[in-house]
Amino acid sequence: MTNIKKISGKILYAIFLFLLSIIMLLPVYYLLVTTFKTPAEAAASPLGLPRHLTFDNYVNAIGAMHYGRSLANNLIIAVVSVICLIIFASMAAYVVARGKRRIFRFMYSVFMVGLIIPFQTSIIPLYKIISGMSLMNRHLGVILVDVFCINLPLSIFLMKGFINTVPAELEEAALIDGSGIFRCFWKIIFPLLKPIVSTVAILDTLAIWNDFMTPLLFLQSPEKQVLLQQVYRNVGPFSTNWTAFFPMLVAATLPLVIFYLIMQKQIIEGVVAGAVKG
């Protein structure tokens, strides 16, 4: 009787997971199927398969978005921002993790305030600062905001926790041998941070790629805009052609999906390493 209850419970649990997966995948299915339909066919049969498979919607979407130029803008902002975040966050996390003075604990508390207070509360001061630095409509302005105002606190938080698991004896031995603090960090500590660096790089890339508000505020020129701005620019004020809009969404998120599929092994290693060492 007990075995029957266990089997019945497993069957019900499997059915529940199957239904839940269908509910979660249904919007994705609707999104992808609609991209291959004409407007009339999408209105007549929203969830039905397209009668005639066509890629005209994607061709029109890529042309309307100026896809190559917008993708290049995204890559410039994301790559430079992630590199800066890894460099600055790793050095700041090392200082606050190894520092014994009260000032270092205070610095870490200041960094963590960024996790509590959303950066949207400081949009007006940020706009004045970026404008005063003559960085409006320039990628550098967006990069500075993405790095120092949005993503740096979380990156420092994650890296500090990982650095605490690295034995301090490694640094002490290197310092005794005559290595300077910078050489000790870059030659000994930083190579050991590969799992958390990969995790931070992936999380920051996802956040920066999906950031819509910062480019919207600081990039007005069409030549400087990113993919999400191009998607937003092609939304009608009173009505939206979903068969033209959905291909833009797919085209805008496809590079991010490819990046995640390539890097998923590294982020799993980072999570496992943190769980084992923590």
C-alpha atoms as a PDB file:
ATOM      1  CA  MET A   1       0.000   0.000   0.000  1.00  0.00           C
ATOM      2  CA  THR A   2       2.875   2.328   0.829  1.00  0.00           C
ATOM      3  CA  ASN A   3       4.531   1.637  -2.531  1.00  0.00           C
ATOM      4  CA  ILE A   4       1.280   2.435  -4.355  1.00  0.00           C
ATOM      5  CA  LYS A   5       1.059   5.778  -2.534  1.00  0.00           C
ATOM      6  CA  LYS A   6       4.654   6.602  -3.424  1.00  0.00           C
ATOM      7  CA  ILE A   7       4.106   5.737  -7.088  1.00  0.00           C
ATOM      8  CA  SER A   8       0.856   7.717  -7.195  1.00  0.00           C
ATOM      9  CA  GLY A   9       2.596  10.702  -5.601  1.00  0.00           C
ATOM     10  CA  LYS A  10       5.398  10.578  -8.160  1.00  0.00           C
ATOM     11  CA  ILE A  11       2.905  10.358 -11.020  1.00  0.00           C
ATOM     12  CA  LEU A  12       0.914  13.330  -9.728  1.00  0.00           C
ATOM     13  CA  TYR A  13       4.125  15.279  -9.218  1.00  0.00           C
ATOM     14  CA  ALA A  14       5.256  14.501 -12.784  1.00  0.00           C
ATOM     15  CA  ILE A  15       1.872  15.576 -14.161  1.00  0.00           C
ATOM     16  CA  PHE A  16       2.054  18.801 -12.169  1.00  0.00           C
ATOM     17  CA  LEU A  17       5.547  19.580 -13.514  1.00  0.00           C
ATOM     18  CA  PHE A  18       4.414  18.769 -17.055  1.00  0.00           C
ATOM     19  CA  LEU A  19       1.447  21.140 -16.822  1.00  0.00           C
ATOM     20  CA  LEU A  20       3.621  23.821 -15.235  1.00  0.00           C
ATOM     21  CA  SER A  21       6.170  23.527 -18.041  1.00  0.00           C
ATOM     22  CA  ILE A  22       3.402  23.900 -20.640  1.00  0.00           C
ATOM     23  CA  ILE A  23       2.126  27.044 -18.922  1.00  0.00           C
ATOM     24  CA  MET A  24       5.641  28.513 -18.841  1.00  0.00           C
ATOM     25  CA  LEU A  25       6.466  27.586 -22.450  1.00  0.00           C
ATOM     26  CA  LEU A  26       3.152  28.745 -23.903  1.00  0.00           C
ATOM     27  CA  PRO A  27       4.183  32.461 -24.155  1.00  0.00           C
ATOM     28  CA  VAL A  28       7.458  31.431 -25.819  1.00  0.00           C
ATOM     29  CA  TYR A  29       5.572  29.243 -28.270  1.00  0.00           C
ATOM     30  CA  TYR A  30       3.140  32.070 -29.044  1.00  0.00           C
ATOM     31  CA  LEU A  31       6.032  34.485 -29.556  1.00  0.00           C
ATOM     32  CA  LEU A  32       7.950  32.247 -31.952  1.00  0.00           C
ATOM     33  CA  VAL A  33       4.926  31.035 -33.931  1.00  0.00           C
ATOM     34  CA  THR A  34       3.620  34.562 -34.472  1.00  0.00           C
ATOM     35  CA  THR A  35       6.912  35.641 -36.046  1.00  0.00           C
ATOM     36  CA  PHE A  36       6.224  33.383 -39.039  1.00  0.00           C
ATOM     37  CA  LYS A  37       2.620  34.539 -39.660  1.00  0.00           C
ATOM     38  CA  THR A  38       0.951  37.320 -41.572  1.00  0.00           C
ATOM     39  CA  PRO A  39      -1.097  39.836 -39.546  1.00  0.00           C
ATOM     40  CA  ALA A  40      -4.366  38.335 -40.762  1.00  0.00           C
ATOM     41  CA  GLU A  41      -3.280  34.789 -39.921  1.00  0.00           C
ATOM     42  CA  ALA A  42      -2.047  35.846 -36.464  1.00  0.00           C
ATOM     43  CA  ALA A  43      -5.412  37.458 -35.697  1.00  0.00           C
ATOM     44  CA  ALA A  44      -7.434  34.505 -37.004  1.00  0.00           C
ATOM     45  CA  SER A  45      -5.404  31.768 -35.303  1.00  0.00           C
ATOM     46  CA  PRO A  46      -3.182  33.115 -32.485  1.00  0.00           C
ATOM     47  CA  LEU A  47      -1.913  29.721 -31.287  1.00  0.00           C
ATOM     48  CA  GLY A  48      -2.141  27.804 -34.540  1.00  0.00           C
ATOM     49  CA  LEU A  49       0.849  26.877 -36.648  1.00  0.00           C
ATOM     50  CA  PRO A  50       1.553  29.075 -39.704  1.00  0.00           C
ATOM     51  CA  ARG A  51       0.138  27.776 -42.970  1.00  0.00           C
ATOM     52  CA  HIS A  52       3.041  29.070 -45.009  1.00  0.00           C
ATOM     53  CA  LEU A  53       6.454  29.369 -43.378  1.00  0.00           C
ATOM     54  CA  THR A  54       8.016  32.723 -44.228  1.00  0.00           C
ATOM     55  CA  PHE A  55      11.001  34.689 -42.960  1.00  0.00           C
ATOM     56  CA  ASP A  56       9.831  38.019 -44.356  1.00  0.00           C
ATOM     57  CA  ASN A  57       8.964  39.278 -40.877  1.00  0.00           C
ATOM     58  CA  TYR A  58      12.539  38.712 -39.712  1.00  0.00           C
ATOM     59  CA  VAL A  59      13.988  40.360 -42.815  1.00  0.00           C
ATOM     60  CA  ASN A  60      11.784  43.415 -42.308  1.00  0.00           C
ATOM     61  CA  ALA A  61      12.531  43.534 -38.567  1.00  0.00           C
ATOM     62  CA  ILE A  62      16.300  43.399 -39.057  1.00  0.00           C
ATOM     63  CA  GLY A  63      16.087  46.189 -41.599  1.00  0.00           C
ATOM     64  CA  ALA A  64      13.834  48.372 -39.439  1.00  0.00           C
ATOM     65  CA  MET A  65      16.074  47.920 -36.394  1.00  0.00           C
ATOM     66  CA  HIS A  66      19.343  48.642 -38.242  1.00  0.00           C
ATOM     67  CA  TYR A  67      20.363  45.398 -36.607  1.00  0.00           C
ATOM     68  CA  GLY A  68      24.086  45.376 -37.344  1.00  0.00           C
ATOM     69  CA  ARG A  69      24.668  48.895 -36.023  1.00  0.00           C
ATOM     70  CA  SER A  70      22.492  48.411 -32.934  1.00  0.00           C
ATOM     71  CA  LEU A  71      24.116  45.059 -32.140  1.00  0.00           C
ATOM     72  CA  ALA A  72      27.558  46.674 -32.362  1.00  0.00           C
ATOM     73  CA  ASN A  73      26.434  49.374 -29.913  1.00  0.00           C
ATOM     74  CA  ASN A  74      25.180  46.702 -27.513  1.00  0.00           C
ATOM     75  CA  LEU A  75      28.440  44.784 -27.745  1.00  0.00           C
ATOM     76  CA  ILE A  76      30.567  47.885 -27.121  1.00  0.00           C
ATOM     77  CA  ILE A  77      28.614  48.836 -24.004  1.00  0.00           C
ATOM     78  CA  ALA A  78      28.370  45.274 -22.649  1.00  0.00           C
ATOM     79  CA  VAL A  79      31.969  44.183 -23.278  1.00  0.00           C
ATOM     80  CA  VAL A  80      33.620  47.355 -21.948  1.00  0.00           C
ATOM     81  CA  SER A  81      31.285  47.482 -18.933  1.00  0.00           C
ATOM     82  CA  VAL A  82      31.871  43.839 -17.979  1.00  0.00           C
ATOM     83  CA  ILE A  83      35.662  44.176 -18.290  1.00  0.00           C
ATOM     84  CA  CYS A  84      35.613  47.286 -16.090  1.00  0.00           C
ATOM     85  CA  LEU A  85      33.333  45.581 -13.570  1.00  0.00           C
ATOM     86  CA  ILE A  86      35.596  42.542 -13.267  1.00  0.00           C
ATOM     87  CA  ILE A  87      38.707  44.686 -12.779  1.00  0.00           C
ATOM     88  CA  PHE A  88      37.273  47.211 -10.318  1.00  0.00           C
ATOM     89  CA  ALA A  89      35.022  44.793  -8.410  1.00  0.00           C
ATOM     90  CA  SER A  90      37.776  42.214  -7.915  1.00  0.00           C
ATOM     91  CA  MET A  91      40.248  44.812  -6.594  1.00  0.00           C
ATOM     92  CA  ALA A  92      37.656  46.468  -4.332  1.00  0.00           C
ATOM     93  CA  ALA A  93      36.453  43.098  -3.028  1.00  0.00           C
ATOM     94  CA  TYR A  94      40.043  42.038  -2.275  1.00  0.00           C
ATOM     95  CA  VAL A  95      40.686  45.216  -0.286  1.00  0.00           C
ATOM     96  CA  VAL A  96      37.532  44.996   1.833  1.00  0.00           C
ATOM     97  CA  ALA A  97      37.938  41.233   2.318  1.00  0.00           C
ATOM     98  CA  ARG A  98      41.557  41.372   3.501  1.00  0.00           C
ATOM     99  CA  GLY A  99      41.490  44.782   5.212  1.00  0.00           C
ATOM    100  CA  LYS A 100      41.479  44.637   9.008  1.00  0.00           C
ATOM    101  CA  ARG A 101      40.788  48.285   9.750  1.00  0.00           C
ATOM    102  CA  ARG A 102      37.394  49.758  10.474  1.00  0.00           C
ATOM    103  CA  ILE A 103      37.603  51.973   7.363  1.00  0.00           C
ATOM    104  CA  PHE A 104      37.455  48.903   5.137  1.00  0.00           C
ATOM    105  CA  ARG A 105      34.266  47.675   6.825  1.00  0.00           C
ATOM    106  CA  PHE A 106      32.824  51.143   6.361  1.00  0.00           C
ATOM    107  CA  MET A 107      33.765  51.094   2.660  1.00  0.00           C
ATOM    108  CA  TYR A 108      32.043  47.746   2.234  1.00  0.00           C
ATOM    109  CA  SER A 109      28.916  49.104   3.923  1.00  0.00           C
ATOM    110  CA  VAL A 110      28.929  52.060   1.519  1.00  0.00           C
ATOM    111  CA  PHE A 111      29.158  49.682  -1.429  1.00  0.00           C
ATOM    112  CA  MET A 112      26.277  47.593  -0.077  1.00  0.00           C
ATOM    113  CA  VAL A 113      24.028  50.653   0.089  1.00  0.00           C
ATOM    114  CA  GLY A 114      23.861  50.336  -3.691  1.00  0.00           C
ATOM    115  CA  LEU A 115      22.090  46.989  -3.255  1.00  0.00           C
ATOM    116  CA  ILE A 116      19.435  48.571  -1.054  1.00  0.00           C
ATOM    117  CA  ILE A 117      18.758  51.878  -2.798  1.00  0.00           C
ATOM    118  CA  PRO A 118      17.710  51.534  -6.462  1.00  0.00           C
ATOM    119  CA  PHE A 119      19.624  53.711  -8.861  1.00  0.00           C
ATOM    120  CA  GLN A 120      16.347  55.019 -10.307  1.00  0.00           C
ATOM    121  CA  THR A 121      16.087  57.301  -7.262  1.00  0.00           C
ATOM    122  CA  SER A 122      19.160  59.196  -8.493  1.00  0.00           C
ATOM    123  CA  ILE A 123      18.213  59.549 -12.160  1.00  0.00           C
ATOM    124  CA  ILE A 124      18.014  63.353 -12.070  1.00  0.00           C
ATOM    125  CA  PRO A 125      21.450  63.829 -10.412  1.00  0.00           C
ATOM    126  CA  LEU A 126      22.944  61.247 -12.781  1.00  0.00           C
ATOM    127  CA  TYR A 127      21.470  63.062 -15.766  1.00  0.00           C
ATOM    128  CA  LYS A 128      22.981  66.349 -14.580  1.00  0.00           C
ATOM    129  CA  ILE A 129      26.368  64.735 -13.923  1.00  0.00           C
ATOM    130  CA  ILE A 130      26.537  62.989 -17.311  1.00  0.00           C
ATOM    131  CA  SER A 131      25.366  66.140 -19.057  1.00  0.00           C
ATOM    132  CA  GLY A 132      27.904  68.258 -17.164  1.00  0.00           C
ATOM    133  CA  MET A 133      30.693  65.888 -18.221  1.00  0.00           C
ATOM    134  CA  SER A 134      29.639  66.255 -21.886  1.00  0.00           C
ATOM    135  CA  LEU A 135      28.948  62.516 -22.087  1.00  0.00           C
ATOM    136  CA  MET A 136      25.373  62.745 -23.336  1.00  0.00           C
ATOM    137  CA  ASN A 137      24.738  60.652 -26.433  1.00  0.00           C
ATOM    138  CA  ARG A 138      28.028  58.829 -25.933  1.00  0.00           C
ATOM    139  CA  HIS A 139      28.591  55.186 -25.043  1.00  0.00           C
ATOM    140  CA  LEU A 140      31.031  56.169 -22.299  1.00  0.00           C
ATOM    141  CA  GLY A 141      28.250  57.855 -20.325  1.00  0.00           C
ATOM    142  CA  VAL A 142      26.127  54.698 -20.379  1.00  0.00           C
ATOM    143  CA  ILE A 143      29.152  52.561 -19.475  1.00  0.00           C
ATOM    144  CA  LEU A 144      29.970  54.705 -16.438  1.00  0.00           C
ATOM    145  CA  VAL A 145      26.392  54.500 -15.148  1.00  0.00           C
ATOM    146  CA  ASP A 146      26.148  50.747 -15.790  1.00  0.00           C
ATOM    147  CA  VAL A 147      29.443  50.068 -14.034  1.00  0.00           C
ATOM    148  CA  PHE A 148      29.555  52.394 -11.039  1.00  0.00           C
ATOM    149  CA  CYS A 149      25.879  53.113 -10.357  1.00  0.00           C
ATOM    150  CA  ILE A 150      24.101  49.855 -11.143  1.00  0.00           C
ATOM    151  CA  ASN A 151      26.204  46.663 -11.200  1.00  0.00           C
ATOM    152  CA  LEU A 152      29.306  47.334  -9.090  1.00  0.00           C
ATOM    153  CA  PRO A 153      27.765  46.702  -5.607  1.00  0.00           C
ATOM    154  CA  LEU A 154      26.476  43.216  -6.464  1.00  0.00           C
ATOM    155  CA  SER A 155      29.756  42.298  -8.174  1.00  0.00           C
ATOM    156  CA  ILE A 156      31.742  43.349  -5.085  1.00  0.00           C
ATOM    157  CA  PHE A 157      29.353  41.440  -2.816  1.00  0.00           C
ATOM    158  CA  LEU A 158      29.754  38.195  -4.779  1.00  0.00           C
ATOM    159  CA  MET A 159      33.520  38.480  -5.174  1.00  0.00           C
ATOM    160  CA  LYS A 160      34.132  39.351  -1.524  1.00  0.00           C
ATOM    161  CA  GLY A 161      32.311  36.215  -0.430  1.00  0.00           C
ATOM    162  CA  PHE A 162      34.465  34.095  -2.724  1.00  0.00           C
ATOM    163  CA  ILE A 163      37.742  35.796  -1.739  1.00  0.00           C
ATOM    164  CA  ASN A 164      36.998  34.997   1.915  1.00  0.00           C
ATOM    165  CA  THR A 165      37.302  31.300   1.005  1.00  0.00           C
ATOM    166  CA  VAL A 166      40.829  31.741  -0.428  1.00  0.00           C
ATOM    167  CA  PRO A 167      43.506  30.941   2.199  1.00  0.00           C
ATOM    168  CA  ALA A 168      45.393  34.058   3.279  1.00  0.00           C
ATOM    169  CA  GLU A 169      48.564  31.950   3.655  1.00  0.00           C
ATOM    170  CA  LEU A 170      49.024  32.037  -0.123  1.00  0.00           C
ATOM    171  CA  GLU A 171      49.378  35.817  -0.077  1.00  0.00           C
ATOM    172  CA  GLU A 172      51.554  35.812   3.027  1.00  0.00           C
ATOM    173  CA  ALA A 173      53.992  33.416   1.376  1.00  0.00           C
ATOM    174  CA  ALA A 174      54.132  35.564  -1.756  1.00  0.00           C
ATOM    175  CA  LEU A 175      54.691  38.749   0.250  1.00  0.00           C
ATOM    176  CA  ILE A 176      57.501  37.084   2.198  1.00  0.00           C
ATOM    177  CA  ASP A 177      59.136  36.142  -1.129  1.00  0.00           C
ATOM    178  CA  GLY A 178      59.166  39.809  -2.090  1.00  0.00           C
ATOM    179  CA  SER A 179      56.034  40.162  -4.236  1.00  0.00           C
ATOM    180  CA  GLY A 180      54.209  43.479  -4.123  1.00  0.00           C
ATOM    181  CA  ILE A 181      50.529  43.709  -3.260  1.00  0.00           C
ATOM    182  CA  PHE A 182      49.455  44.247  -6.876  1.00  0.00           C
ATOM    183  CA  ARG A 183      51.569  41.375  -8.180  1.00  0.00           C
ATOM    184  CA  CYS A 184      50.313  39.166  -5.370  1.00  0.00           C
ATOM    185  CA  PHE A 185      46.714  39.925  -6.292  1.00  0.00           C
ATOM    186  CA  TRP A 186      47.012  39.522 -10.076  1.00  0.00           C
ATOM    187  CA  LYS A 187      49.385  36.554 -10.066  1.00  0.00           C
ATOM    188  CA  ILE A 188      48.028  34.526  -7.148  1.00  0.00           C
ATOM    189  CA  ILE A 189      44.535  35.613  -6.070  1.00  0.00           C
ATOM    190  CA  PHE A 190      42.898  36.631  -9.340  1.00  0.00           C
ATOM    191  CA  PRO A 191      43.545  33.293 -11.153  1.00  0.00           C
ATOM    192  CA  LEU A 192      41.787  31.536  -8.260  1.00  0.00           C
ATOM    193  CA  LEU A 193      38.704  33.692  -8.825  1.00  0.00           C
ATOM    194  CA  LYS A 194      37.892  32.155 -12.217  1.00  0.00           C
ATOM    195  CA  PRO A 195      34.563  30.540 -11.107  1.00  0.00           C
ATOM    196  CA  ILE A 196      33.186  33.700  -9.517  1.00  0.00           C
ATOM    197  CA  VAL A 197      34.579  35.923 -12.289  1.00  0.00           C
ATOM    198  CA  SER A 198      32.669  33.815 -14.835  1.00  0.00           C
ATOM    199  CA  THR A 199      29.506  34.043 -12.756  1.00  0.00           C
ATOM    200  CA  VAL A 200      29.817  37.803 -12.285  1.00  0.00           C
ATOM    201  CA  ALA A 201      30.549  38.284 -15.997  1.00  0.00           C
ATOM    202  CA  ILE A 202      27.414  36.373 -16.978  1.00  0.00           C
ATOM    203  CA  LEU A 203      25.138  38.125 -14.477  1.00  0.00           C
ATOM    204  CA  ASP A 204      26.476  41.551 -15.413  1.00  0.00           C
ATOM    205  CA  THR A 205      26.160  40.826 -19.122  1.00  0.00           C
ATOM    206  CA  LEU A 206      22.534  39.816 -18.654  1.00  0.00           C
ATOM    207  CA  ALA A 207      21.818  42.954 -16.623  1.00  0.00           C
ATOM    208  CA  ILE A 208      23.583  45.355 -18.994  1.00  0.00           C
ATOM    209  CA  TRP A 209      22.130  43.803 -22.153  1.00  0.00           C
ATOM    210  CA  ASN A 210      18.611  44.004 -20.731  1.00  0.00           C
ATOM    211  CA  ASP A 211      19.071  47.532 -19.383  1.00  0.00           C
ATOM    212  CA  PHE A 212      16.630  49.770 -21.206  1.00  0.00           C
ATOM    213  CA  MET A 213      16.340  52.871 -19.044  1.00  0.00           C
ATOM    214  CA  THR A 214      20.006  53.941 -19.089  1.00  0.00           C
ATOM    215  CA  PRO A 215      20.408  53.957 -22.897  1.00  0.00           C
ATOM    216  CA  LEU A 216      16.981  55.581 -23.203  1.00  0.00           C
ATOM    217  CA  LEU A 217      18.077  58.476 -20.982  1.00  0.00           C
ATOM    218  CA  PHE A 218      21.574  59.056 -22.318  1.00  0.00           C
ATOM    219  CA  LEU A 219      21.503  57.943 -25.976  1.00  0.00           C
ATOM    220  CA  GLN A 220      19.181  59.999 -28.190  1.00  0.00           C
ATOM    221  CA  SER A 221      20.927  59.680 -31.554  1.00  0.00           C
ATOM    222  CA  PRO A 222      19.662  56.731 -33.660  1.00  0.00           C
ATOM    223  CA  GLU A 223      23.259  55.883 -34.581  1.00  0.00           C
ATOM    224  CA  LYS A 224      24.112  55.300 -30.899  1.00  0.00           C
ATOM    225  CA  GLN A 225      21.010  53.386 -29.830  1.00  0.00           C
ATOM    226  CA  VAL A 226      20.985  49.765 -28.704  1.00  0.00           C
ATOM    227  CA  LEU A 227      18.690  46.910 -29.726  1.00  0.00           C
ATOM    228  CA  LEU A 228      16.002  47.445 -27.084  1.00  0.00           C
ATOM    229  CA  GLN A 229      15.718  51.097 -28.073  1.00  0.00           C
ATOM    230  CA  GLN A 230      15.184  50.063 -31.678  1.00  0.00           C
ATOM    231  CA  VAL A 231      12.478  47.639 -30.574  1.00  0.00           C
ATOM    232  CA  TYR A 232      10.792  50.391 -28.555  1.00  0.00           C
ATOM    233  CA  ARG A 233      11.107  52.876 -31.432  1.00  0.00           C
ATOM    234  CA  ASN A 234       9.143  50.554 -33.714  1.00  0.00           C
ATOM    235  CA  VAL A 235       6.163  50.266 -31.358  1.00  0.00           C
ATOM    236  CA  GLY A 236       3.163  52.189 -32.645  1.00  0.00           C
ATOM    237  CA  PRO A 237       1.634  54.889 -30.408  1.00  0.00           C
ATOM    238  CA  PHE A 238      -1.939  53.590 -30.838  1.00  0.00           C
ATOM    239  CA  SER A 239      -1.593  50.033 -32.163  1.00  0.00           C
ATOM    240  CA  THR A 240       1.163  47.484 -32.686  1.00  0.00           C
ATOM    241  CA  ASN A 241       1.707  45.014 -35.510  1.00  0.00           C
ATOM    242  CA  TRP A 242       2.656  41.955 -33.464  1.00  0.00           C
ATOM    243  CA  THR A 243       3.927  40.013 -36.466  1.00  0.00           C
ATOM    244  CA  ALA A 244       6.478  42.803 -36.976  1.00  0.00           C
ATOM    245  CA  PHE A 245       7.143  43.458 -33.287  1.00  0.00           C
ATOM    246  CA  PHE A 246       7.786  39.864 -32.145  1.00  0.00           C
ATOM    247  CA  PRO A 247      10.616  39.225 -34.648  1.00  0.00           C
ATOM    248  CA  MET A 248      12.340  42.315 -33.259  1.00  0.00           C
ATOM    249  CA  LEU A 249      12.124  40.863 -29.748  1.00  0.00           C
ATOM    250  CA  VAL A 250      13.549  37.553 -30.925  1.00  0.00           C
ATOM    251  CA  ALA A 251      16.366  39.269 -32.834  1.00  0.00           C
ATOM    252  CA  ALA A 252      17.197  41.453 -29.809  1.00  0.00           C
ATOM    253  CA  THR A 253      17.363  38.552 -27.330  1.00  0.00           C
ATOM    254  CA  LEU A 254      18.981  35.941 -29.603  1.00  0.00           C
ATOM    255  CA  PRO A 255      22.611  37.068 -28.960  1.00  0.00           C
ATOM    256  CA  LEU A 256      21.960  36.929 -25.214  1.00  0.00           C
ATOM    257  CA  VAL A 257      20.507  33.412 -25.463  1.00  0.00           C
ATOM    258  CA  ILE A 258      23.526  32.238 -27.470  1.00  0.00           C
ATOM    259  CA  PHE A 259      25.870  33.814 -24.916  1.00  0.00           C
ATOM    260  CA  TYR A 260      24.095  32.103 -22.030  1.00  0.00           C
ATOM    261  CA  LEU A 261      24.156  28.697 -23.748  1.00  0.00           C
ATOM    262  CA  ILE A 262      27.898  29.040 -24.300  1.00  0.00           C
ATOM    263  CA  MET A 263      28.614  30.209 -20.740  1.00  0.00           C
ATOM    264  CA  GLN A 264      26.160  28.067 -18.769  1.00  0.00           C
ATOM    265  CA  LYS A 265      28.890  25.591 -17.834  1.00  0.00           C
ATOM    266  CA  GLN A 266      30.921  28.367 -16.233  1.00  0.00           C
ATOM    267  CA  ILE A 267      28.020  29.753 -14.199  1.00  0.00           C
ATOM    268  CA  ILE A 268      27.169  26.257 -12.912  1.00  0.00           C
ATOM    269  CA  GLU A 269      30.804  25.784 -11.900  1.00  0.00           C
ATOM    270  CA  GLY A 270      30.686  29.128 -10.089  1.00  0.00           C
ATOM    271  CA  VAL A 271      27.550  28.204  -8.158  1.00  0.00           C
ATOM    272  CA  VAL A 272      28.898  24.743  -7.250  1.00  0.00           C
ATOM    273  CA  ALA A 273      32.267  26.138  -6.204  1.00  0.00           C
ATOM    274  CA  GLY A 274      30.583  28.737  -4.003  1.00  0.00           C
ATOM    275  CA  ALA A 275      28.352  26.101  -2.413  1.00  0.00           C
ATOM    276  CA  VAL A 276      31.268  23.751  -1.695  1.00  0.00           C
ATOM    277  CA  LYS A 277      33.651  26.417  -0.363  1.00  0.00           C
ATOM    278  CA  GLY A 278      31.016  28.422   1.475  1.00  0.00           C
END
